[in-house]
């Protein structure tokens, strides 16, 4: 009985850690895309950079709120991934809309 409770707690801890790693990996990839777009002189305008930065700030806030109680619930994870997806679409559109800075 005691070992099954410990095992269940360990499995829950691993799933939370995997979720946090996925969130961090997505944020790192998006940061690299924006940095590459700015550094190479691609089509990211200053206004688009501000919009992307604001969306990334919203994602960071959602992660902070989700982690505040120590557990990222499935609904909180869904909200974070939706916000990350929206930010990712904004980065893609900014890089491919043929506007010059």
C-alpha atoms as a PDB file:
ATOM      1  CA  UNK A   1       0.000   0.000   0.000  1.00  0.00           C
ATOM      2  CA  UNK A   2       2.713   2.407   1.034  1.00  0.00           C
ATOM      3  CA  UNK A   3       4.859   1.600  -1.995  1.00  0.00           C
ATOM      4  CA  UNK A   4       1.933   2.136  -4.384  1.00  0.00           C
ATOM      5  CA  UNK A   5       1.329   5.613  -2.940  1.00  0.00           C
ATOM      6  CA  UNK A   6       5.007   6.483  -3.304  1.00  0.00           C
ATOM      7  CA  UNK A   7       5.019   5.114  -6.855  1.00  0.00           C
ATOM      8  CA  UNK A   8       1.908   7.120  -7.780  1.00  0.00           C
ATOM      9  CA  UNK A   9       3.424  10.298  -6.345  1.00  0.00           C
ATOM     10  CA  UNK A  10       6.651   9.696  -8.279  1.00  0.00           C
ATOM     11  CA  UNK A  11       4.723   9.141 -11.531  1.00  0.00           C
ATOM     12  CA  UNK A  12       2.787  12.355 -10.962  1.00  0.00           C
ATOM     13  CA  UNK A  13       6.012  14.247 -10.344  1.00  0.00           C
ATOM     14  CA  UNK A  14       7.504  12.913 -13.590  1.00  0.00           C
ATOM     15  CA  UNK A  15       4.439  13.942 -15.604  1.00  0.00           C
ATOM     16  CA  UNK A  16       4.566  17.470 -14.158  1.00  0.00           C
ATOM     17  CA  UNK A  17       8.270  17.703 -14.956  1.00  0.00           C
ATOM     18  CA  UNK A  18       7.701  16.496 -18.539  1.00  0.00           C
ATOM     19  CA  UNK A  19       4.996  19.116 -19.017  1.00  0.00           C
ATOM     20  CA  UNK A  20       7.248  21.875 -17.727  1.00  0.00           C
ATOM     21  CA  UNK A  21      10.052  20.714 -20.033  1.00  0.00           C
ATOM     22  CA  UNK A  22       7.723  20.864 -23.038  1.00  0.00           C
ATOM     23  CA  UNK A  23       6.654  24.402 -22.121  1.00  0.00           C
ATOM     24  CA  UNK A  24      10.280  25.489 -21.690  1.00  0.00           C
ATOM     25  CA  UNK A  25      11.329  23.853 -24.968  1.00  0.00           C
ATOM     26  CA  UNK A  26       8.562  25.655 -26.879  1.00  0.00           C
ATOM     27  CA  UNK A  27       9.498  29.012 -25.341  1.00  0.00           C
ATOM     28  CA  UNK A  28      13.172  28.469 -26.201  1.00  0.00           C
ATOM     29  CA  UNK A  29      12.341  27.559 -29.802  1.00  0.00           C
ATOM     30  CA  UNK A  30      10.140  30.632 -30.227  1.00  0.00           C
ATOM     31  CA  UNK A  31      12.845  32.873 -28.797  1.00  0.00           C
ATOM     32  CA  UNK A  32      15.331  31.431 -31.296  1.00  0.00           C
ATOM     33  CA  UNK A  33      12.960  32.035 -34.193  1.00  0.00           C
ATOM     34  CA  UNK A  34      12.448  35.678 -33.224  1.00  0.00           C
ATOM     35  CA  UNK A  35      16.168  36.220 -32.628  1.00  0.00           C
ATOM     36  CA  UNK A  36      17.011  34.666 -35.991  1.00  0.00           C
ATOM     37  CA  UNK A  37      14.390  36.797 -37.717  1.00  0.00           C
ATOM     38  CA  UNK A  38      15.753  40.001 -36.203  1.00  0.00           C
ATOM     39  CA  UNK A  39      19.434  39.132 -36.610  1.00  0.00           C
ATOM     40  CA  UNK A  40      19.151  38.094 -40.261  1.00  0.00           C
ATOM     41  CA  UNK A  41      17.158  41.179 -41.168  1.00  0.00           C
ATOM     42  CA  UNK A  42      14.112  39.194 -42.116  1.00  0.00           C
ATOM     43  CA  UNK A  43      10.665  40.624 -42.170  1.00  0.00           C
ATOM     44  CA  UNK A  44       9.997  41.237 -38.479  1.00  0.00           C
ATOM     45  CA  UNK A  45       9.123  44.888 -37.960  1.00  0.00           C
ATOM     46  CA  UNK A  46       9.513  46.705 -34.626  1.00  0.00           C
ATOM     47  CA  UNK A  47       5.737  46.671 -34.114  1.00  0.00           C
ATOM     48  CA  UNK A  48       5.637  42.924 -34.729  1.00  0.00           C
ATOM     49  CA  UNK A  49       8.477  42.412 -32.246  1.00  0.00           C
ATOM     50  CA  UNK A  50       6.475  44.283 -29.610  1.00  0.00           C
ATOM     51  CA  UNK A  51       3.393  42.139 -30.302  1.00  0.00           C
ATOM     52  CA  UNK A  52       5.466  38.956 -30.038  1.00  0.00           C
ATOM     53  CA  UNK A  53       7.078  40.153 -26.801  1.00  0.00           C
ATOM     54  CA  UNK A  54       3.650  40.898 -25.306  1.00  0.00           C
ATOM     55  CA  UNK A  55       2.377  37.433 -26.206  1.00  0.00           C
ATOM     56  CA  UNK A  56       5.478  35.805 -24.730  1.00  0.00           C
ATOM     57  CA  UNK A  57       4.900  37.812 -21.550  1.00  0.00           C
ATOM     58  CA  UNK A  58       1.327  36.463 -21.422  1.00  0.00           C
ATOM     59  CA  UNK A  59       2.691  32.916 -21.724  1.00  0.00           C
ATOM     60  CA  UNK A  60       5.199  33.513 -18.918  1.00  0.00           C
ATOM     61  CA  UNK A  61       2.419  34.911 -16.719  1.00  0.00           C
ATOM     62  CA  UNK A  62       0.209  31.889 -17.404  1.00  0.00           C
ATOM     63  CA  UNK A  63       3.082  29.551 -16.499  1.00  0.00           C
ATOM     64  CA  UNK A  64       3.787  31.492 -13.297  1.00  0.00           C
ATOM     65  CA  UNK A  65       0.118  31.368 -12.279  1.00  0.00           C
ATOM     66  CA  UNK A  66      -0.092  27.660 -13.099  1.00  0.00           C
ATOM     67  CA  UNK A  67       3.010  26.877 -11.046  1.00  0.00           C
ATOM     68  CA  UNK A  68       1.934  29.024  -8.109  1.00  0.00           C
ATOM     69  CA  UNK A  69       0.102  26.152  -6.413  1.00  0.00           C
ATOM     70  CA  UNK A  70       2.827  23.641  -7.287  1.00  0.00           C
ATOM     71  CA  UNK A  71       0.781  21.613  -9.781  1.00  0.00           C
ATOM     72  CA  UNK A  72       0.074  22.338 -13.435  1.00  0.00           C
ATOM     73  CA  UNK A  73      -3.396  20.938 -14.031  1.00  0.00           C
ATOM     74  CA  UNK A  74      -4.524  19.691 -17.456  1.00  0.00           C
ATOM     75  CA  UNK A  75      -6.723  22.765 -17.940  1.00  0.00           C
ATOM     76  CA  UNK A  76      -3.820  25.081 -17.078  1.00  0.00           C
ATOM     77  CA  UNK A  77      -1.581  23.128 -19.457  1.00  0.00           C
ATOM     78  CA  UNK A  78      -4.189  23.529 -22.215  1.00  0.00           C
ATOM     79  CA  UNK A  79      -4.341  27.289 -21.644  1.00  0.00           C
ATOM     80  CA  UNK A  80      -0.546  27.575 -21.743  1.00  0.00           C
ATOM     81  CA  UNK A  81      -0.305  25.554 -24.949  1.00  0.00           C
ATOM     82  CA  UNK A  82      -3.052  27.638 -26.576  1.00  0.00           C
ATOM     83  CA  UNK A  83      -1.179  30.832 -25.728  1.00  0.00           C
ATOM     84  CA  UNK A  84       2.075  29.327 -26.980  1.00  0.00           C
ATOM     85  CA  UNK A  85       0.360  28.306 -30.212  1.00  0.00           C
ATOM     86  CA  UNK A  86      -0.986  31.801 -30.700  1.00  0.00           C
ATOM     87  CA  UNK A  87       2.481  33.269 -30.133  1.00  0.00           C
ATOM     88  CA  UNK A  88       3.967  30.733 -32.536  1.00  0.00           C
ATOM     89  CA  UNK A  89       1.453  31.707 -35.241  1.00  0.00           C
ATOM     90  CA  UNK A  90       2.317  35.364 -34.705  1.00  0.00           C
ATOM     91  CA  UNK A  91       6.043  34.629 -35.119  1.00  0.00           C
ATOM     92  CA  UNK A  92       5.406  32.618 -38.284  1.00  0.00           C
ATOM     93  CA  UNK A  93       3.177  35.293 -39.791  1.00  0.00           C
ATOM     94  CA  UNK A  94       5.677  38.020 -38.911  1.00  0.00           C
ATOM     95  CA  UNK A  95       8.501  36.130 -40.583  1.00  0.00           C
ATOM     96  CA  UNK A  96       6.579  35.332 -43.764  1.00  0.00           C
ATOM     97  CA  UNK A  97       4.467  38.421 -44.479  1.00  0.00           C
ATOM     98  CA  UNK A  98       7.098  40.163 -46.712  1.00  0.00           C
ATOM     99  CA  UNK A  99       7.160  43.362 -44.678  1.00  0.00           C
ATOM    100  CA  UNK A 100      10.579  44.922 -44.416  1.00  0.00           C
ATOM    101  CA  UNK A 101      11.839  46.599 -41.288  1.00  0.00           C
END
